[in-house]
Protein backbone atom coordinates (compact mmCIF):
# COMPACT_ATOMS: atom_id res chain seq x y z
CA UNK A 1 -24.73 -20.53 -15.27
CA UNK A 2 -21.40 -18.75 -15.68
CA UNK A 3 -22.44 -15.75 -13.58
CA UNK A 4 -23.88 -18.02 -10.85
CA UNK A 5 -20.55 -19.84 -10.69
CA UNK A 6 -18.77 -16.50 -10.45
CA UNK A 7 -20.91 -15.66 -7.45
CA UNK A 8 -19.86 -18.94 -5.88
CA UNK A 9 -16.20 -18.07 -6.58
CA UNK A 10 -16.69 -14.77 -4.65
CA UNK A 11 -18.56 -16.55 -1.90
CA UNK A 12 -15.62 -18.90 -1.47
CA UNK A 13 -13.16 -15.97 -1.67
CA UNK A 14 -14.82 -13.88 1.04
CA UNK A 15 -16.38 -16.60 3.24
CA UNK A 16 -13.23 -18.78 3.30
CA UNK A 17 -15.15 -21.92 4.29
CA UNK A 18 -12.01 -24.12 4.16
CA UNK A 19 -10.42 -21.95 6.89
CA UNK A 20 -13.42 -21.45 9.06
CA UNK A 21 -14.22 -25.22 9.00
CA UNK A 22 -11.08 -27.26 9.60
CA UNK A 23 -12.73 -30.36 8.03
CA UNK A 24 -12.74 -28.58 4.66
CA UNK A 25 -9.17 -27.35 4.85
CA UNK A 26 -7.79 -29.97 2.46
CA UNK A 27 -10.38 -29.43 -0.21
CA UNK A 28 -9.37 -26.93 -2.91
CA UNK A 29 -12.82 -25.44 -3.18
CA UNK A 30 -11.76 -22.10 -4.66
CA UNK A 31 -9.79 -23.89 -7.43
CA UNK A 32 -12.73 -26.11 -8.29
CA UNK A 33 -15.17 -23.20 -8.51
CA UNK A 34 -12.94 -20.89 -10.54
CA UNK A 35 -11.94 -23.66 -12.93
CA UNK A 36 -15.53 -24.57 -13.50
CA UNK A 37 -16.39 -20.89 -13.97
CA UNK A 38 -13.44 -20.51 -16.43
CA UNK A 39 -14.62 -23.46 -18.54
CA UNK A 40 -18.21 -22.42 -18.85
CA UNK A 41 -17.21 -18.79 -19.55
CA UNK A 42 -15.00 -19.51 -22.59
CA UNK A 43 -17.48 -18.01 -25.13
CA UNK A 44 -17.67 -14.76 -23.23
CA UNK A 45 -13.90 -14.71 -22.72
CA UNK A 46 -13.44 -15.03 -26.46
CA UNK A 47 -15.84 -12.15 -26.88
CA UNK A 48 -13.53 -9.97 -24.78
CA UNK A 49 -10.80 -10.26 -27.50
CA UNK A 50 -12.72 -7.97 -29.86
CA UNK A 51 -11.81 -4.25 -30.04
CA UNK A 52 -13.42 -1.89 -27.56
CA UNK A 53 -13.85 -4.45 -24.80
CA UNK A 54 -12.79 -4.02 -21.14
CA UNK A 55 -9.61 -5.93 -21.84
CA UNK A 56 -8.41 -2.92 -23.83
CA UNK A 57 -9.07 -0.50 -20.96
CA UNK A 58 -5.79 0.96 -19.54
CA UNK A 59 -6.54 -0.56 -16.11
CA UNK A 60 -6.67 -4.02 -17.72
CA UNK A 61 -3.52 -3.43 -19.71
CA UNK A 62 -1.70 -2.36 -16.58
CA UNK A 63 -2.88 -5.53 -14.71
CA UNK A 64 -1.58 -7.69 -17.57
CA UNK A 65 1.65 -5.70 -17.64
CA UNK A 66 2.19 -6.32 -13.90
CA UNK A 67 1.58 -10.04 -14.49
CA UNK A 68 4.27 -9.98 -17.21
CA UNK A 69 6.78 -8.27 -14.97
CA UNK A 70 6.12 -10.69 -12.16
CA UNK A 71 7.02 -13.54 -14.52
CA UNK A 72 10.09 -11.71 -15.85
CA UNK A 73 11.31 -10.83 -12.36
CA UNK A 74 11.09 -14.41 -11.20
CA UNK A 75 12.69 -15.64 -14.43
CA UNK A 76 15.65 -13.34 -13.71
CA UNK A 77 16.06 -14.05 -10.01
CA UNK A 78 14.37 -17.26 -8.95
CA UNK A 79 14.84 -20.93 -9.50
CA UNK A 80 12.31 -22.39 -11.92
CA UNK A 81 10.28 -24.26 -9.39
CA UNK A 82 9.80 -21.33 -7.05
CA UNK A 83 9.21 -18.91 -9.97
CA UNK A 84 6.59 -21.15 -11.56
CA UNK A 85 4.73 -21.43 -8.20
CA UNK A 86 4.79 -17.70 -7.67
CA UNK A 87 3.64 -16.88 -11.26
CA UNK A 88 0.88 -19.53 -11.02
CA UNK A 89 -0.36 -17.97 -7.78
CA UNK A 90 -0.67 -14.54 -9.42
CA UNK A 91 -2.12 -16.05 -12.58
CA UNK A 92 -5.15 -17.10 -10.47
CA UNK A 93 -5.64 -13.54 -9.46
CA UNK A 94 -5.46 -12.30 -13.07
CA UNK A 95 -8.03 -15.00 -14.12
CA UNK A 96 -10.41 -13.73 -11.42
CA UNK A 97 -9.96 -10.15 -12.72
CA UNK A 98 -10.70 -11.27 -16.34
CA UNK A 99 -13.74 -13.25 -15.26
CA UNK A 100 -15.05 -10.21 -13.48
CA UNK A 101 -14.76 -8.15 -16.74
CA UNK A 102 -16.33 -10.92 -18.83
CA UNK A 103 -19.30 -11.85 -16.52
CA UNK A 104 -20.25 -8.70 -14.61
CA UNK A 105 -21.62 -7.05 -17.73
CA UNK A 106 -24.90 -5.36 -16.69
CA UNK A 107 -25.87 -2.95 -13.95
CA UNK A 108 -28.08 -5.60 -12.36
CA UNK A 109 -25.25 -8.12 -12.22
CA UNK A 110 -22.93 -5.49 -10.71
CA UNK A 111 -25.43 -4.56 -7.95
CA UNK A 112 -26.09 -8.22 -7.21
CA UNK A 113 -22.40 -8.93 -6.86
CA UNK A 114 -21.88 -5.96 -4.60
CA UNK A 115 -24.88 -7.01 -2.44
CA UNK A 116 -23.47 -10.51 -2.29
CA UNK A 117 -20.05 -9.29 -1.12
CA UNK A 118 -21.80 -7.33 1.63
CA UNK A 119 -23.73 -10.44 2.74
CA UNK A 120 -20.48 -12.53 2.64
CA UNK A 121 -18.82 -9.81 4.72
CA UNK A 122 -21.64 -9.92 7.30
CA UNK A 123 -21.10 -13.69 7.70
CA UNK A 124 -17.36 -13.63 8.09
CA UNK A 125 -17.35 -10.48 10.28
CA UNK A 126 -20.02 -12.00 12.55
CA UNK A 127 -17.90 -15.13 12.93
CA UNK A 128 -14.78 -13.01 13.72
CA UNK A 129 -16.67 -10.95 16.28
CA UNK A 130 -18.08 -14.00 17.95
CA UNK A 131 -14.60 -15.51 18.20
CA UNK A 132 -13.29 -12.18 19.52
CA UNK A 133 -15.86 -12.34 22.35
CA UNK A 134 -15.07 -16.03 22.88
CA UNK A 135 -18.55 -17.21 22.05
CA UNK A 136 -17.05 -19.69 19.57
CA UNK A 137 -13.55 -21.13 19.23
CA UNK A 138 -11.94 -21.54 15.81
CA UNK A 139 -8.30 -22.60 15.55
CA UNK A 140 -7.66 -20.57 12.38
CA UNK A 141 -9.25 -17.37 13.77
CA UNK A 142 -7.49 -15.85 16.74
CA UNK A 143 -7.33 -12.26 17.91
CA UNK A 144 -4.04 -10.43 17.87
CA UNK A 145 -2.36 -9.30 21.10
CA UNK A 146 -0.73 -6.00 20.32
CA UNK A 147 1.24 -3.89 22.79
CA UNK A 148 1.76 -0.10 22.45
CA UNK A 149 2.45 2.93 24.62
CA UNK A 150 -0.29 5.45 25.18
CA UNK A 151 0.23 9.21 25.45
CA UNK A 152 1.13 8.92 29.16
CA UNK A 153 3.95 6.51 28.23
CA UNK A 154 2.27 3.46 29.82
CA UNK A 155 2.34 0.17 28.01
CA UNK A 156 -1.10 -1.08 26.96
CA UNK A 157 -2.03 -4.44 25.53
CA UNK A 158 -4.86 -4.60 23.03
CA UNK A 159 -6.82 -7.48 21.56
CA UNK A 160 -7.39 -6.73 17.86
CA UNK A 161 -9.98 -8.36 15.62
CA UNK A 162 -8.62 -10.23 12.60
CA UNK A 163 -9.85 -12.51 9.85
CA UNK A 164 -8.54 -15.56 7.99
CA UNK A 165 -7.37 -15.78 4.42
CA UNK A 166 -5.93 -13.03 2.31
CA UNK A 167 -7.11 -10.32 4.72
CA UNK A 168 -5.75 -11.93 7.86
CA UNK A 169 -4.05 -8.81 9.22
CA UNK A 170 -6.25 -6.52 11.43
CA UNK A 171 -5.20 -3.54 9.35
CA UNK A 172 -6.01 -5.17 6.01
CA UNK A 173 -9.34 -6.41 7.47
CA UNK A 174 -10.16 -2.89 8.60
CA UNK A 175 -9.50 -1.41 5.12
CA UNK A 176 -11.89 -3.83 3.52
CA UNK A 177 -14.43 -3.25 6.25
CA UNK A 178 -14.33 0.39 5.24
CA UNK A 179 -15.11 -0.60 1.68
CA UNK A 180 -17.99 -2.72 2.96
CA UNK A 181 -19.31 0.26 4.95
CA UNK A 182 -19.37 2.45 1.86
CA UNK A 183 -21.08 -0.23 -0.27
CA UNK A 184 -23.61 -0.80 2.50
CA UNK A 185 -24.47 2.90 2.66
CA UNK A 186 -25.25 2.62 -1.05
CA UNK A 187 -27.82 -0.04 -0.32
CA UNK A 188 -29.19 1.98 2.62
CA UNK A 189 -29.72 5.08 0.56
CA UNK A 190 -30.96 3.45 -2.65
CA UNK A 191 -33.90 5.44 -4.03
CA UNK A 192 -37.20 3.70 -4.27
CA UNK A 193 -36.23 0.85 -1.93
CA UNK A 194 -38.74 1.91 0.68
CA UNK A 195 -38.67 0.93 4.32
CA UNK A 196 -36.96 -2.40 3.46
CA UNK A 197 -33.67 -0.60 2.94
CA UNK A 198 -33.45 0.07 6.65
CA UNK A 199 -32.41 -3.56 7.13
CA UNK A 200 -28.97 -2.44 5.84
CA UNK A 201 -28.45 -0.57 9.06
CA UNK A 202 -27.68 -3.87 10.79
CA UNK A 203 -24.70 -4.75 8.52
CA UNK A 204 -23.48 -1.18 8.70
CA UNK A 205 -23.55 -1.24 12.50
CA UNK A 206 -21.69 -4.61 12.44
CA UNK A 207 -18.98 -3.38 10.10
CA UNK A 208 -18.41 -0.14 12.19
CA UNK A 209 -18.25 -2.11 15.40
CA UNK A 210 -15.71 -4.53 13.80
CA UNK A 211 -13.64 -1.55 12.63
CA UNK A 212 -13.47 -0.42 16.22
CA UNK A 213 -12.34 -3.89 17.35
CA UNK A 214 -9.53 -3.92 14.79
CA UNK A 215 -7.95 -0.80 16.40
CA UNK A 216 -6.50 0.03 12.97
CA UNK A 217 -5.52 3.68 12.47
CA UNK A 218 -4.76 3.27 8.81
CA UNK A 219 -8.03 1.48 8.21
CA UNK A 220 -9.99 4.20 9.93
CA UNK A 221 -8.18 6.84 7.91
CA UNK A 222 -8.97 4.92 4.71
CA UNK A 223 -12.69 4.87 5.64
CA UNK A 224 -12.72 8.58 6.31
CA UNK A 225 -11.08 9.33 2.94
CA UNK A 226 -13.53 7.01 1.18
CA UNK A 227 -16.54 8.69 2.86
CA UNK A 228 -15.12 12.13 2.04
CA UNK A 229 -14.68 11.16 -1.63
CA UNK A 230 -18.23 9.72 -1.74
CA UNK A 231 -19.63 12.88 -0.09
CA UNK A 232 -17.81 15.31 -2.39
CA UNK A 233 -18.97 13.33 -5.43
CA UNK A 234 -22.60 13.31 -4.16
CA UNK A 235 -23.02 16.69 -2.32
CA UNK A 236 -20.00 18.81 -3.17
CA UNK A 237 -17.07 20.26 -1.31
CA UNK A 238 -18.92 22.72 0.92
CA UNK A 239 -21.54 20.36 2.21
CA UNK A 240 -18.84 17.77 2.79
CA UNK A 241 -16.86 20.22 4.85
CA UNK A 242 -19.89 21.03 6.99
CA UNK A 243 -20.68 17.35 7.49
CA UNK A 244 -17.04 16.76 8.43
CA UNK A 245 -17.13 19.52 11.06
CA UNK A 246 -19.98 17.71 12.79
CA UNK A 247 -18.91 14.07 12.30
CA UNK A 248 -15.13 14.17 12.97
CA UNK A 249 -15.49 15.16 16.67
CA UNK A 250 -18.03 12.31 17.10
CA UNK A 251 -15.54 9.90 15.54
CA UNK A 252 -12.85 11.15 17.91
CA UNK A 253 -15.09 10.58 20.97
CA UNK A 254 -16.55 7.27 19.86
CA UNK A 255 -13.16 5.76 18.95
CA UNK A 256 -10.97 7.43 21.59
CA UNK A 257 -7.74 5.51 22.17
CA UNK A 258 -5.11 3.97 19.92
CA UNK A 259 -7.24 4.12 16.80
CA UNK A 260 -7.50 8.00 16.80
CA UNK A 261 -3.89 8.58 17.98
CA UNK A 262 -2.46 8.89 14.48
CA UNK A 263 1.26 9.79 14.67
CA UNK A 264 4.37 9.16 12.59
CA UNK A 265 6.78 10.33 15.24
CA UNK A 266 6.67 7.19 17.41
CA UNK A 267 5.54 3.61 17.64
CA UNK A 268 4.30 1.80 14.52
CA UNK A 269 4.56 5.07 12.49
CA UNK A 270 8.38 4.98 12.93
CA UNK A 271 8.43 1.25 12.21
CA UNK A 272 6.70 1.81 8.89
CA UNK A 273 9.03 4.62 7.96
CA UNK A 274 12.02 2.35 8.65
CA UNK A 275 10.45 -0.28 6.39
CA UNK A 276 9.92 2.30 3.68
CA UNK A 277 13.62 3.20 3.88
CA UNK A 278 14.63 -0.47 3.64
CA UNK A 279 12.37 -1.11 0.59
CA UNK A 280 13.54 2.09 -1.16
CA UNK A 281 17.07 0.67 -0.88
CA UNK A 282 15.88 -2.60 -2.31
CA UNK A 283 14.38 -0.75 -5.24
CA UNK A 284 17.61 1.15 -5.81
CA UNK A 285 19.49 -2.23 -5.77
CA UNK A 286 17.28 -3.82 -8.42
CA UNK A 287 15.55 -0.99 -10.39
CA UNK A 288 15.04 -2.87 -13.67
CA UNK A 289 13.17 -6.12 -12.76
CA UNK A 290 13.01 -5.77 -8.94
CA UNK A 291 13.75 -8.50 -6.47
CA UNK A 292 10.82 -10.73 -7.51
CA UNK A 293 7.64 -10.79 -5.32
CA UNK A 294 6.76 -13.38 -2.66
CA UNK A 295 3.15 -14.15 -3.54
CA UNK A 296 2.54 -17.68 -2.23
CA UNK A 297 1.38 -17.57 1.42
CA UNK A 298 3.83 -18.90 3.97
CA UNK A 299 1.99 -21.78 5.63
CA UNK A 300 4.88 -23.02 7.73
CA UNK A 301 4.59 -20.20 10.28
CA UNK A 302 2.74 -20.80 13.62
CA UNK A 303 -0.91 -20.04 13.31
CA UNK A 304 -0.79 -17.30 15.90
CA UNK A 305 1.76 -15.40 13.80
CA UNK A 306 0.06 -15.77 10.40
CA UNK A 307 -1.28 -12.26 10.56
CA UNK A 308 2.21 -10.86 10.39
CA UNK A 309 4.43 -13.52 8.89
CA UNK A 310 6.85 -11.25 7.04
CA UNK A 311 8.06 -7.69 7.10
CA UNK A 312 6.89 -6.26 3.80
CA UNK A 313 7.10 -2.58 2.72
CA UNK A 314 3.74 -1.62 4.28
CA UNK A 315 3.11 0.45 1.15
CA UNK A 316 1.71 -1.35 -1.86
CA UNK A 317 3.01 1.15 -4.34
CA UNK A 318 6.60 1.02 -3.02
CA UNK A 319 6.24 -2.75 -2.70
CA UNK A 320 5.50 -3.05 -6.38
CA UNK A 321 8.40 -0.86 -7.45
CA UNK A 322 10.81 -2.97 -5.28
CA UNK A 323 9.30 -6.29 -6.35
CA UNK A 324 8.94 -5.92 -10.16
CA UNK A 325 11.14 -2.90 -10.99
CA UNK A 326 10.46 0.57 -12.38
CA UNK A 327 8.16 -0.30 -15.32
CA UNK A 328 6.31 -2.98 -13.34
CA UNK A 329 5.80 -0.54 -10.44
CA UNK A 330 4.55 2.13 -12.85
CA UNK A 331 1.99 -0.30 -14.27
CA UNK A 332 0.78 -1.30 -10.81
CA UNK A 333 0.37 2.32 -9.80
CA UNK A 334 -1.12 3.01 -13.21
CA UNK A 335 -3.94 0.52 -12.68
CA UNK A 336 -5.13 2.71 -9.78
CA UNK A 337 -4.36 5.97 -11.53
CA UNK A 338 -6.52 5.03 -14.47
CA UNK A 339 -9.22 3.48 -12.21
CA UNK A 340 -9.39 6.73 -10.33
CA UNK A 341 -9.43 8.74 -13.54
CA UNK A 342 -12.22 6.55 -14.89
CA UNK A 343 -14.43 7.31 -11.96
CA UNK A 344 -13.53 11.00 -11.91
CA UNK A 345 -14.55 11.35 -15.56
CA UNK A 346 -18.08 10.32 -14.69
CA UNK A 347 -18.41 13.19 -12.14
CA UNK A 348 -18.94 16.76 -13.09
CA UNK A 349 -21.56 19.35 -14.01
CA UNK A 350 -21.23 18.59 -17.76
CA UNK A 351 -21.61 14.80 -17.44
CA UNK A 352 -24.97 13.13 -16.83
CA UNK A 353 -25.29 9.43 -16.15
CA UNK A 354 -28.48 8.30 -17.92
CA UNK A 355 -29.43 5.39 -15.64
CA UNK A 356 -30.61 6.66 -12.22
CA UNK A 357 -29.40 3.46 -10.52
CA UNK A 358 -25.91 3.89 -11.98
CA UNK A 359 -25.96 7.58 -11.12
CA UNK A 360 -26.64 6.68 -7.46
CA UNK A 361 -24.03 3.92 -7.47
CA UNK A 362 -21.18 6.11 -8.84
CA UNK A 363 -20.21 7.98 -5.68
CA UNK A 364 -20.03 4.77 -3.68
CA UNK A 365 -17.79 2.92 -6.12
CA UNK A 366 -15.61 6.01 -6.30
CA UNK A 367 -15.50 6.17 -2.44
CA UNK A 368 -14.70 2.48 -2.19
CA UNK A 369 -11.80 2.90 -4.56
CA UNK A 370 -10.46 5.92 -2.75
CA UNK A 371 -10.67 4.15 0.63
CA UNK A 372 -8.77 1.09 -0.68
CA UNK A 373 -6.11 3.29 -2.39
CA UNK A 374 -5.54 5.08 0.88
CA UNK A 375 -5.28 1.82 2.79
CA UNK A 376 -2.58 0.63 0.37
CA UNK A 377 -0.39 3.55 1.39
CA UNK A 378 0.32 1.73 4.69
CA UNK A 379 -0.19 -1.94 3.66
CA UNK A 380 1.30 -4.39 1.08
CA UNK A 381 -1.75 -5.63 -0.93
CA UNK A 382 -0.20 -5.92 -4.33
CA UNK A 383 -1.10 -9.46 -5.24
CA UNK A 384 -4.23 -10.35 -3.28
CA UNK A 385 -7.64 -10.95 -4.88
CA UNK A 386 -9.55 -8.11 -3.12
CA UNK A 387 -7.19 -5.60 -4.70
CA UNK A 388 -8.16 -6.72 -8.17
CA UNK A 389 -11.88 -6.88 -7.17
CA UNK A 390 -11.61 -3.21 -6.29
CA UNK A 391 -9.69 -2.21 -9.41
CA UNK A 392 -12.04 -4.11 -11.69
CA UNK A 393 -15.08 -2.19 -10.37
CA UNK A 394 -14.39 1.06 -12.27
CA UNK A 395 -13.72 -0.80 -15.52
CA UNK A 396 -17.02 -2.70 -15.24
CA UNK A 397 -18.83 0.43 -14.15
CA UNK A 398 -17.54 2.45 -17.19
CA UNK A 399 -18.42 -0.39 -19.53
CA UNK A 400 -22.09 -0.47 -18.60
CA UNK A 401 -22.76 3.20 -17.90
CA UNK A 402 -24.22 5.43 -20.58
CA UNK A 403 -23.45 9.14 -20.20
CA UNK A 404 -24.63 12.34 -21.89
CA UNK A 405 -22.52 13.43 -23.60
CA UNK A 406 -20.85 10.10 -24.34
CA UNK A 407 -17.40 9.69 -22.82
CA UNK A 408 -14.64 8.47 -25.03
CA UNK A 409 -12.67 5.46 -23.82
CA UNK A 410 -9.36 6.28 -22.14
CA UNK A 411 -6.53 5.22 -24.48
CA UNK A 412 -3.15 3.93 -23.44
CA UNK A 413 -1.13 6.26 -25.60
CA UNK A 414 2.10 8.29 -25.17
CA UNK A 415 0.15 10.78 -23.09
CA UNK A 416 -0.89 7.97 -20.70
CA UNK A 417 2.71 6.94 -20.37
CA UNK A 418 3.72 10.51 -19.48
CA UNK A 419 0.97 10.58 -16.83
CA UNK A 420 2.26 7.31 -15.38
CA UNK A 421 5.81 8.59 -15.33
CA UNK A 422 4.77 11.75 -13.50
CA UNK A 423 2.55 9.77 -11.08
CA UNK A 424 5.45 7.34 -10.33
CA UNK A 425 7.96 10.16 -9.77
CA UNK A 426 5.40 11.91 -7.57
CA UNK A 427 4.69 8.73 -5.54
CA UNK A 428 8.32 7.81 -5.01
CA UNK A 429 9.21 11.48 -4.26
CA UNK A 430 6.40 11.70 -1.71
CA UNK A 431 7.55 8.55 0.02
CA UNK A 432 11.15 9.66 0.09
CA UNK A 433 10.39 13.15 1.40
CA UNK A 434 7.85 11.96 3.88
CA UNK A 435 10.37 9.49 5.23
CA UNK A 436 13.15 12.04 5.48
CA UNK A 437 10.94 14.66 7.20
CA UNK A 438 9.27 12.41 9.76
CA UNK A 439 11.72 9.60 10.45
CA UNK A 440 13.50 10.06 13.77
């Protein structure tokens, strides 16, 4: 019952029925489903309080730490009403994360959830593509008109595919489409599935077509990094390099235009660098507790502008440092550092994953994580639910995966803090140097 309700929570999260069907807009469906799921899951949530559970994993501790600094930052800078609303909004995200760890407890449940997310993605992407081609007309789902200058200096206007909900920006949508592509390839290549697995070619084709319609350069780059990570993990560096030599020219030909013209010397590249500079200054102005994050969606903006309603940092890691201060930013970055480390520990010549299904799944979860982490370098996704869906995957995977030899649980000790400090200095230093070198 509890797991079935959690599947409904995810269906509501990724299908967004209240936004696709205006008649349902006033019904808090997501709140009903997650509250019901929370109530029936109390015994399993209590079970998570014992030692050695996923709540003690460094990724989980980092997530709880970020939540604490969100509350502290608002307590220091906001009025009580606004602060309470923002903290409550992020609390819902943390509840979703905890329910993931409590209920997705077996390999079968994990694979079913991932298959369900792909199916939900097929439905929402199909609706978005139909609206893009004007087959249907939905008031909450409109394509973006984006103007840019091509290499000849001529101004070109593009229609870009977008979605509703927390991934309403074309670039954010494209990053998650990349994750869906990688998870779909897992289903397509699953051993022992027979001819039936070929049906997954249809969702894969749909997601790739939608990526093309988003015209997102950062999203395409995220997909390529995710696929490269998956390939290295599955076939090694040399084979991946050979595959890349054949596939990259095909990608360049198939997606010729704005999406493959990746440049930081002009256009949106310079805009992002200017935003990085602004948010670095904000971090310098409030390094202890930050300036307090804006988490609650702004619903007062015109619907046609919802996809870009505020100028954020366009870098999730920098956004976190500016929003919740040095320690809070370290913890946000740490959630992904430890998630990446968790998946990396399961790969290597001296580690064998006992379950063949889990062994096959590992490169694809690793690739999905790498794709999303890459996408966050150019997008602000600090407080949205899909981010915590992605970061919960490695924790759940490690919990249910038996290895030979047995891997010890990563501990959050003084060594872990030193790693976080080095990673934080490296991230902020990279952003600063990159901005100084390439900003006009």
